[in-house]
Amino acid sequence: EWFSESLQNTDELLVNSYHHQGVKDLGENLVEMARAPDGVLEAFYDPNYDVSLGRFVVGLQFHPERMLSDYPGCAKVYKAFGEACWAYKNLQDGWVTQDCP
């Protein structure tokens, strides 16, 4: 969902991938989101994420922080992560309950 706006009429994004390591096997329940032409896994996520409950698992092999003006999704990922952190902290502090996000 973060990059859907940039994927109109295409299924590719140009990203700044320059790593010497990569993910070989995804963990249980994680879903592939993007792969480079050479087969390197570039992005994955947990489909059970829920930002309002502080559940957020996303792996990005590229560097979206260096591409904030290239694709709106780069900033959206950071915004969602921040919101999940805030929600998790509030849940831990007892400010909200899981029944009332």
Protein backbone atom coordinates (compact mmCIF):
# COMPACT_ATOMS: atom_id res chain seq x y z
CA GLU A 1 0.00 0.00 0.00
CA TRP A 2 2.85 2.42 0.70
CA PHE A 3 4.12 2.39 -2.86
CA SER A 4 0.84 1.80 -4.72
CA GLU A 5 0.67 5.43 -5.85
CA SER A 6 4.05 5.06 -7.57
CA LEU A 7 3.14 1.73 -9.17
CA GLN A 8 0.39 3.08 -11.43
CA ASN A 9 0.84 1.49 -14.88
CA THR A 10 4.03 -0.31 -13.84
CA ASP A 11 5.24 -3.03 -11.50
CA GLU A 12 8.75 -1.62 -11.04
CA LEU A 13 10.41 1.05 -8.92
CA LEU A 14 13.99 2.14 -9.34
CA VAL A 15 15.65 1.98 -5.93
CA ASN A 16 19.14 2.57 -4.56
CA SER A 17 20.20 -0.98 -3.84
CA TYR A 18 23.90 -1.47 -3.18
CA HIS A 19 24.33 -4.10 -0.53
CA HIS A 20 26.70 -6.98 -0.03
CA GLN A 21 24.21 -8.99 2.03
CA GLY A 22 20.60 -10.01 1.54
CA VAL A 23 17.75 -12.10 2.86
CA LYS A 24 17.98 -15.73 1.77
CA ASP A 25 14.86 -17.18 3.42
CA LEU A 26 11.92 -15.23 4.76
CA GLY A 27 10.70 -15.94 8.26
CA GLU A 28 7.34 -17.48 8.99
CA ASN A 29 4.35 -15.35 7.96
CA LEU A 30 6.50 -12.75 6.16
CA VAL A 31 5.54 -11.88 2.58
CA GLU A 32 7.78 -10.78 -0.26
CA MET A 33 7.02 -7.27 -1.48
CA ALA A 34 9.80 -6.60 -4.01
CA ARG A 35 12.71 -8.31 -5.71
CA ALA A 36 15.56 -6.89 -7.80
CA PRO A 37 16.20 -8.13 -11.34
CA ASP A 38 19.19 -10.13 -10.03
CA GLY A 39 16.91 -11.98 -7.60
CA VAL A 40 17.87 -10.16 -4.40
CA LEU A 41 14.91 -9.66 -2.09
CA GLU A 42 14.46 -5.90 -1.69
CA ALA A 43 11.38 -5.69 0.55
CA PHE A 44 9.10 -7.80 2.72
CA TYR A 45 6.42 -7.30 5.35
CA ASP A 46 4.19 -9.02 7.87
CA PRO A 47 0.63 -8.96 6.45
CA ASN A 48 -0.76 -8.97 10.01
CA TYR A 49 0.66 -5.55 10.75
CA ASP A 50 -1.65 -3.10 12.47
CA VAL A 51 -0.21 0.35 13.01
CA SER A 52 -2.93 1.28 15.52
CA LEU A 53 -1.83 -1.63 17.74
CA GLY A 54 1.88 -0.99 17.35
CA ARG A 55 2.46 -4.04 15.15
CA PHE A 56 4.80 -3.16 12.31
CA VAL A 57 7.26 -5.47 10.58
CA VAL A 58 8.76 -4.28 7.30
CA GLY A 59 12.14 -5.12 5.83
CA LEU A 60 13.59 -2.81 3.19
CA GLN A 61 16.91 -3.72 1.62
CA PHE A 62 17.13 -0.40 -0.20
CA HIS A 63 17.46 3.03 1.47
CA PRO A 64 14.13 4.89 1.37
CA GLU A 65 15.52 7.61 3.62
CA ARG A 66 17.69 8.67 0.68
CA MET A 67 14.73 8.63 -1.71
CA LEU A 68 12.09 10.66 0.15
CA SER A 69 11.51 12.99 -2.81
CA ASP A 70 11.53 10.17 -5.40
CA TYR A 71 8.48 8.19 -4.28
CA PRO A 72 5.74 9.21 -1.82
CA GLY A 73 5.85 5.67 -0.41
CA CYS A 74 9.29 6.22 1.07
CA ALA A 75 7.93 8.84 3.45
CA LYS A 76 4.73 6.84 4.05
CA VAL A 77 6.73 3.89 5.38
CA TYR A 78 8.46 6.13 7.92
CA LYS A 79 5.18 7.77 8.92
CA ALA A 80 3.55 4.36 9.48
CA PHE A 81 6.56 3.19 11.49
CA GLY A 82 6.39 6.30 13.71
CA GLU A 83 2.66 5.84 14.24
CA ALA A 84 3.20 2.18 15.17
CA CYS A 85 5.92 3.17 17.66
CA TRP A 86 3.62 5.75 19.23
CA ALA A 87 0.74 3.28 19.46
CA TYR A 88 2.97 0.58 20.95
CA LYS A 89 4.29 2.99 23.59
CA ASN A 90 0.76 4.10 24.47
CA LEU A 91 -0.37 0.49 24.81
CA GLN A 92 2.61 -0.32 27.03
CA ASP A 93 1.94 2.72 29.20
CA GLY A 94 -1.73 1.77 29.51
CA TRP A 95 -2.97 4.95 27.83
CA VAL A 96 -5.11 2.97 25.40
CA THR A 97 -6.29 -0.61 25.20
CA GLN A 98 -6.27 -2.94 22.25
CA ASP A 99 -10.06 -2.77 22.25
CA CYS A 100 -9.97 1.02 21.82
CA PRO A 101 -7.18 2.02 19.40
